[in-house]
């Protein structure tokens, strides 16, 4: 992934708004404590749930149990949307990431991602790596890890409202 093409959509922006830069948008993804993922069920209905995600290797990563609804949905349809931001009206930045979820099974990548989770949450999220996924320190259930390289990211600035699109 290279630096995205960034544009301000004036149709949905305040006349004085400026495009939100990719660095600022990426910082929101890197520091977010909670994100929401939308997947698509087999019958076409959306499924939305909160999760913790990490930004690394130019992608957003999340994990899930193999039997959870989002994992079941991803077996048939890899298209996802991940969102984060704040619930305040007049300040902050909401970010929407569009892309396809790809399962991560490479041992070295999983080790690196496990370290990112541990570091980001001061040791509260610790995973053992093996069998193409994560395991909690006290559990045996395989936790699947997915990577979403963005195809498009929308950034919604509040206050001086502006809608920015980053296309990769």
C-alpha atoms as a PDB file:
ATOM      1  CA  UNK A   1       0.000   0.000   0.000  1.00  0.00           C
ATOM      2  CA  UNK A   2       1.309   3.418  -0.905  1.00  0.00           C
ATOM      3  CA  UNK A   3       0.216   6.793   0.353  1.00  0.00           C
ATOM      4  CA  UNK A   4      -3.470   7.174  -0.494  1.00  0.00           C
ATOM      5  CA  UNK A   5      -5.021   9.730  -2.781  1.00  0.00           C
ATOM      6  CA  UNK A   6      -6.814  12.087  -0.403  1.00  0.00           C
ATOM      7  CA  UNK A   7      -9.769  14.290  -1.352  1.00  0.00           C
ATOM      8  CA  UNK A   8     -12.314  16.376   0.507  1.00  0.00           C
ATOM      9  CA  UNK A   9     -15.906  15.757  -0.548  1.00  0.00           C
ATOM     10  CA  UNK A  10     -17.241  19.305  -0.607  1.00  0.00           C
ATOM     11  CA  UNK A  11     -20.852  18.067  -0.941  1.00  0.00           C
ATOM     12  CA  UNK A  12     -20.775  16.911   2.680  1.00  0.00           C
ATOM     13  CA  UNK A  13     -18.304  19.375   4.156  1.00  0.00           C
ATOM     14  CA  UNK A  14     -18.442  22.824   5.718  1.00  0.00           C
ATOM     15  CA  UNK A  15     -17.316  25.542   3.247  1.00  0.00           C
ATOM     16  CA  UNK A  16     -14.191  26.179   5.386  1.00  0.00           C
ATOM     17  CA  UNK A  17     -13.308  22.508   5.896  1.00  0.00           C
ATOM     18  CA  UNK A  18     -10.000  21.087   4.743  1.00  0.00           C
ATOM     19  CA  UNK A  19      -9.195  17.471   3.980  1.00  0.00           C
ATOM     20  CA  UNK A  20      -8.034  15.395   6.940  1.00  0.00           C
ATOM     21  CA  UNK A  21      -4.514  14.186   6.212  1.00  0.00           C
ATOM     22  CA  UNK A  22      -3.669  10.506   6.104  1.00  0.00           C
ATOM     23  CA  UNK A  23      -1.265  10.831   9.066  1.00  0.00           C
ATOM     24  CA  UNK A  24      -4.059  12.151  11.301  1.00  0.00           C
ATOM     25  CA  UNK A  25      -6.495   9.499  10.073  1.00  0.00           C
ATOM     26  CA  UNK A  26      -3.938   6.738  10.629  1.00  0.00           C
ATOM     27  CA  UNK A  27      -3.268   7.998  14.188  1.00  0.00           C
ATOM     28  CA  UNK A  28      -6.946   7.510  15.000  1.00  0.00           C
ATOM     29  CA  UNK A  29      -6.709   3.918  13.756  1.00  0.00           C
ATOM     30  CA  UNK A  30      -3.501   3.309  15.710  1.00  0.00           C
ATOM     31  CA  UNK A  31      -4.817   4.657  19.011  1.00  0.00           C
ATOM     32  CA  UNK A  32      -8.461   3.527  18.929  1.00  0.00           C
ATOM     33  CA  UNK A  33      -9.371   1.374  21.894  1.00  0.00           C
ATOM     34  CA  UNK A  34     -12.573   0.079  20.338  1.00  0.00           C
ATOM     35  CA  UNK A  35     -13.731  -0.464  16.784  1.00  0.00           C
ATOM     36  CA  UNK A  36     -16.911  -1.824  15.268  1.00  0.00           C
ATOM     37  CA  UNK A  37     -16.883  -4.402  12.474  1.00  0.00           C
ATOM     38  CA  UNK A  38     -19.631  -4.992   9.954  1.00  0.00           C
ATOM     39  CA  UNK A  39     -19.714  -8.330   8.148  1.00  0.00           C
ATOM     40  CA  UNK A  40     -22.405  -9.852   5.921  1.00  0.00           C
ATOM     41  CA  UNK A  41     -24.414 -12.939   6.865  1.00  0.00           C
ATOM     42  CA  UNK A  42     -25.120 -15.671   4.299  1.00  0.00           C
ATOM     43  CA  UNK A  43     -28.658 -14.313   3.810  1.00  0.00           C
ATOM     44  CA  UNK A  44     -27.310 -10.798   3.092  1.00  0.00           C
ATOM     45  CA  UNK A  45     -28.182  -9.217   6.443  1.00  0.00           C
ATOM     46  CA  UNK A  46     -25.420  -7.170   8.088  1.00  0.00           C
ATOM     47  CA  UNK A  47     -23.833  -8.189  11.386  1.00  0.00           C
ATOM     48  CA  UNK A  48     -22.186  -5.498  13.534  1.00  0.00           C
ATOM     49  CA  UNK A  49     -20.151  -6.066  16.687  1.00  0.00           C
ATOM     50  CA  UNK A  50     -17.466  -4.247  18.696  1.00  0.00           C
ATOM     51  CA  UNK A  51     -13.903  -5.525  18.876  1.00  0.00           C
ATOM     52  CA  UNK A  52     -10.359  -4.451  19.633  1.00  0.00           C
ATOM     53  CA  UNK A  53      -8.127  -3.980  16.613  1.00  0.00           C
ATOM     54  CA  UNK A  54      -4.532  -3.025  15.981  1.00  0.00           C
ATOM     55  CA  UNK A  55      -2.945  -1.070  13.146  1.00  0.00           C
ATOM     56  CA  UNK A  56       0.281  -2.672  11.894  1.00  0.00           C
ATOM     57  CA  UNK A  57       1.940  -3.405   8.569  1.00  0.00           C
ATOM     58  CA  UNK A  58      -0.310  -0.828   6.833  1.00  0.00           C
ATOM     59  CA  UNK A  59      -3.472  -2.740   7.736  1.00  0.00           C
ATOM     60  CA  UNK A  60      -6.052  -3.060  10.479  1.00  0.00           C
ATOM     61  CA  UNK A  61      -6.022  -6.436  12.263  1.00  0.00           C
ATOM     62  CA  UNK A  62      -8.636  -8.112  14.432  1.00  0.00           C
ATOM     63  CA  UNK A  63      -9.218 -11.549  15.864  1.00  0.00           C
ATOM     64  CA  UNK A  64     -12.237 -13.708  16.591  1.00  0.00           C
ATOM     65  CA  UNK A  65     -13.170 -17.188  17.722  1.00  0.00           C
ATOM     66  CA  UNK A  66     -13.812 -19.616  14.876  1.00  0.00           C
ATOM     67  CA  UNK A  67     -17.415 -20.109  15.986  1.00  0.00           C
ATOM     68  CA  UNK A  68     -18.302 -16.430  16.337  1.00  0.00           C
ATOM     69  CA  UNK A  69     -20.780 -14.926  13.872  1.00  0.00           C
ATOM     70  CA  UNK A  70     -18.209 -12.656  12.227  1.00  0.00           C
ATOM     71  CA  UNK A  71     -15.893 -15.625  11.527  1.00  0.00           C
ATOM     72  CA  UNK A  72     -18.800 -17.612  10.095  1.00  0.00           C
ATOM     73  CA  UNK A  73     -19.747 -14.658   7.878  1.00  0.00           C
ATOM     74  CA  UNK A  74     -16.169 -14.227   6.641  1.00  0.00           C
ATOM     75  CA  UNK A  75     -16.067 -17.809   5.354  1.00  0.00           C
ATOM     76  CA  UNK A  76     -18.425 -16.778   2.534  1.00  0.00           C
ATOM     77  CA  UNK A  77     -17.886 -13.040   2.184  1.00  0.00           C
ATOM     78  CA  UNK A  78     -14.608 -11.268   3.008  1.00  0.00           C
ATOM     79  CA  UNK A  79     -15.997  -7.715   2.598  1.00  0.00           C
ATOM     80  CA  UNK A  80     -15.911  -5.767   5.862  1.00  0.00           C
ATOM     81  CA  UNK A  81     -16.234  -2.278   7.215  1.00  0.00           C
ATOM     82  CA  UNK A  82     -14.458  -1.278  10.407  1.00  0.00           C
ATOM     83  CA  UNK A  83     -15.367   1.965  12.153  1.00  0.00           C
ATOM     84  CA  UNK A  84     -14.009   3.904  15.092  1.00  0.00           C
ATOM     85  CA  UNK A  85     -14.295   7.393  16.511  1.00  0.00           C
ATOM     86  CA  UNK A  86     -16.217   9.072  19.276  1.00  0.00           C
ATOM     87  CA  UNK A  87     -19.875   9.663  19.967  1.00  0.00           C
ATOM     88  CA  UNK A  88     -19.556  13.420  20.315  1.00  0.00           C
ATOM     89  CA  UNK A  89     -21.204  15.691  17.776  1.00  0.00           C
ATOM     90  CA  UNK A  90     -18.875  18.682  17.602  1.00  0.00           C
ATOM     91  CA  UNK A  91     -15.339  17.341  18.041  1.00  0.00           C
ATOM     92  CA  UNK A  92     -13.194  14.396  17.089  1.00  0.00           C
ATOM     93  CA  UNK A  93     -12.720  12.288  14.005  1.00  0.00           C
ATOM     94  CA  UNK A  94     -14.752   9.254  12.985  1.00  0.00           C
ATOM     95  CA  UNK A  95     -13.036   6.813  10.628  1.00  0.00           C
ATOM     96  CA  UNK A  96     -14.520   4.135   8.358  1.00  0.00           C
ATOM     97  CA  UNK A  97     -12.234   1.494   6.810  1.00  0.00           C
ATOM     98  CA  UNK A  98     -13.443  -0.525   3.821  1.00  0.00           C
ATOM     99  CA  UNK A  99     -11.663  -3.642   2.613  1.00  0.00           C
ATOM    100  CA  UNK A 100     -11.508  -7.424   2.596  1.00  0.00           C
ATOM    101  CA  UNK A 101     -10.591  -9.490   5.644  1.00  0.00           C
ATOM    102  CA  UNK A 102      -7.803 -11.973   4.911  1.00  0.00           C
ATOM    103  CA  UNK A 103      -6.876 -14.624   7.442  1.00  0.00           C
ATOM    104  CA  UNK A 104      -3.335 -14.341   8.841  1.00  0.00           C
ATOM    105  CA  UNK A 105      -1.612 -17.695   9.449  1.00  0.00           C
ATOM    106  CA  UNK A 106       2.079 -16.905   8.998  1.00  0.00           C
ATOM    107  CA  UNK A 107       3.889 -17.672  12.273  1.00  0.00           C
ATOM    108  CA  UNK A 108       6.246 -14.665  12.157  1.00  0.00           C
ATOM    109  CA  UNK A 109       3.452 -12.241  11.318  1.00  0.00           C
ATOM    110  CA  UNK A 110       1.285 -13.667  14.105  1.00  0.00           C
ATOM    111  CA  UNK A 111       4.121 -13.260  16.616  1.00  0.00           C
ATOM    112  CA  UNK A 112       4.609  -9.653  15.556  1.00  0.00           C
ATOM    113  CA  UNK A 113       0.865  -8.965  15.824  1.00  0.00           C
ATOM    114  CA  UNK A 114       0.639 -10.636  19.246  1.00  0.00           C
ATOM    115  CA  UNK A 115       3.368  -8.253  20.416  1.00  0.00           C
ATOM    116  CA  UNK A 116       1.425  -5.285  19.014  1.00  0.00           C
ATOM    117  CA  UNK A 117      -1.709  -6.328  20.948  1.00  0.00           C
ATOM    118  CA  UNK A 118       0.301  -6.782  24.153  1.00  0.00           C
ATOM    119  CA  UNK A 119       2.054  -3.420  23.780  1.00  0.00           C
ATOM    120  CA  UNK A 120      -1.051  -1.447  22.817  1.00  0.00           C
ATOM    121  CA  UNK A 121      -2.999  -2.609  25.867  1.00  0.00           C
ATOM    122  CA  UNK A 122      -0.157  -2.637  28.418  1.00  0.00           C
ATOM    123  CA  UNK A 123      -0.171  -6.413  28.686  1.00  0.00           C
ATOM    124  CA  UNK A 124      -3.934  -6.832  29.055  1.00  0.00           C
ATOM    125  CA  UNK A 125      -4.191  -8.705  25.735  1.00  0.00           C
ATOM    126  CA  UNK A 126      -1.650 -11.501  25.552  1.00  0.00           C
ATOM    127  CA  UNK A 127      -1.759 -14.291  23.036  1.00  0.00           C
ATOM    128  CA  UNK A 128       0.207 -17.469  22.455  1.00  0.00           C
ATOM    129  CA  UNK A 129       0.899 -18.135  18.777  1.00  0.00           C
ATOM    130  CA  UNK A 130       0.449 -21.521  17.159  1.00  0.00           C
ATOM    131  CA  UNK A 131      -1.564 -23.583  14.694  1.00  0.00           C
ATOM    132  CA  UNK A 132      -2.114 -20.603  12.403  1.00  0.00           C
ATOM    133  CA  UNK A 133      -3.686 -18.317  14.988  1.00  0.00           C
ATOM    134  CA  UNK A 134      -3.730 -17.079  18.571  1.00  0.00           C
ATOM    135  CA  UNK A 135      -4.660 -18.760  21.826  1.00  0.00           C
ATOM    136  CA  UNK A 136      -5.381 -17.027  25.104  1.00  0.00           C
ATOM    137  CA  UNK A 137      -2.785 -17.869  27.790  1.00  0.00           C
ATOM    138  CA  UNK A 138      -5.332 -19.899  29.773  1.00  0.00           C
ATOM    139  CA  UNK A 139      -7.317 -21.360  26.868  1.00  0.00           C
ATOM    140  CA  UNK A 140      -7.025 -23.881  24.097  1.00  0.00           C
ATOM    141  CA  UNK A 141      -9.584 -22.487  21.622  1.00  0.00           C
ATOM    142  CA  UNK A 142      -8.001 -21.259  18.399  1.00  0.00           C
ATOM    143  CA  UNK A 143      -8.501 -17.541  17.827  1.00  0.00           C
ATOM    144  CA  UNK A 144      -8.464 -16.580  14.135  1.00  0.00           C
ATOM    145  CA  UNK A 145      -6.563 -13.456  13.113  1.00  0.00           C
ATOM    146  CA  UNK A 146      -7.562 -11.318  10.138  1.00  0.00           C
ATOM    147  CA  UNK A 147      -5.937  -8.447   8.284  1.00  0.00           C
ATOM    148  CA  UNK A 148      -7.815  -5.715   6.424  1.00  0.00           C
ATOM    149  CA  UNK A 149      -5.714  -3.695   3.995  1.00  0.00           C
ATOM    150  CA  UNK A 150      -7.902  -0.667   3.272  1.00  0.00           C
ATOM    151  CA  UNK A 151      -9.214  -0.049  -0.214  1.00  0.00           C
ATOM    152  CA  UNK A 152     -10.869   3.152   0.964  1.00  0.00           C
ATOM    153  CA  UNK A 153     -10.927   5.044   4.253  1.00  0.00           C
ATOM    154  CA  UNK A 154     -13.403   7.795   5.065  1.00  0.00           C
ATOM    155  CA  UNK A 155     -12.602  10.360   7.753  1.00  0.00           C
ATOM    156  CA  UNK A 156     -15.442  12.449   9.170  1.00  0.00           C
ATOM    157  CA  UNK A 157     -14.156  15.568  10.945  1.00  0.00           C
ATOM    158  CA  UNK A 158     -16.545  17.126  13.431  1.00  0.00           C
ATOM    159  CA  UNK A 159     -16.847  20.724  14.525  1.00  0.00           C
ATOM    160  CA  UNK A 160     -15.741  22.222  11.217  1.00  0.00           C
ATOM    161  CA  UNK A 161     -17.380  19.288   9.474  1.00  0.00           C
ATOM    162  CA  UNK A 162     -15.498  17.684   6.628  1.00  0.00           C
ATOM    163  CA  UNK A 163     -15.715  14.355   4.815  1.00  0.00           C
ATOM    164  CA  UNK A 164     -12.359  13.134   3.530  1.00  0.00           C
ATOM    165  CA  UNK A 165     -11.766  10.108   1.327  1.00  0.00           C
ATOM    166  CA  UNK A 166      -8.459   8.239   1.232  1.00  0.00           C
ATOM    167  CA  UNK A 167      -8.282   5.816  -1.705  1.00  0.00           C
ATOM    168  CA  UNK A 168      -5.524   3.211  -1.977  1.00  0.00           C
END
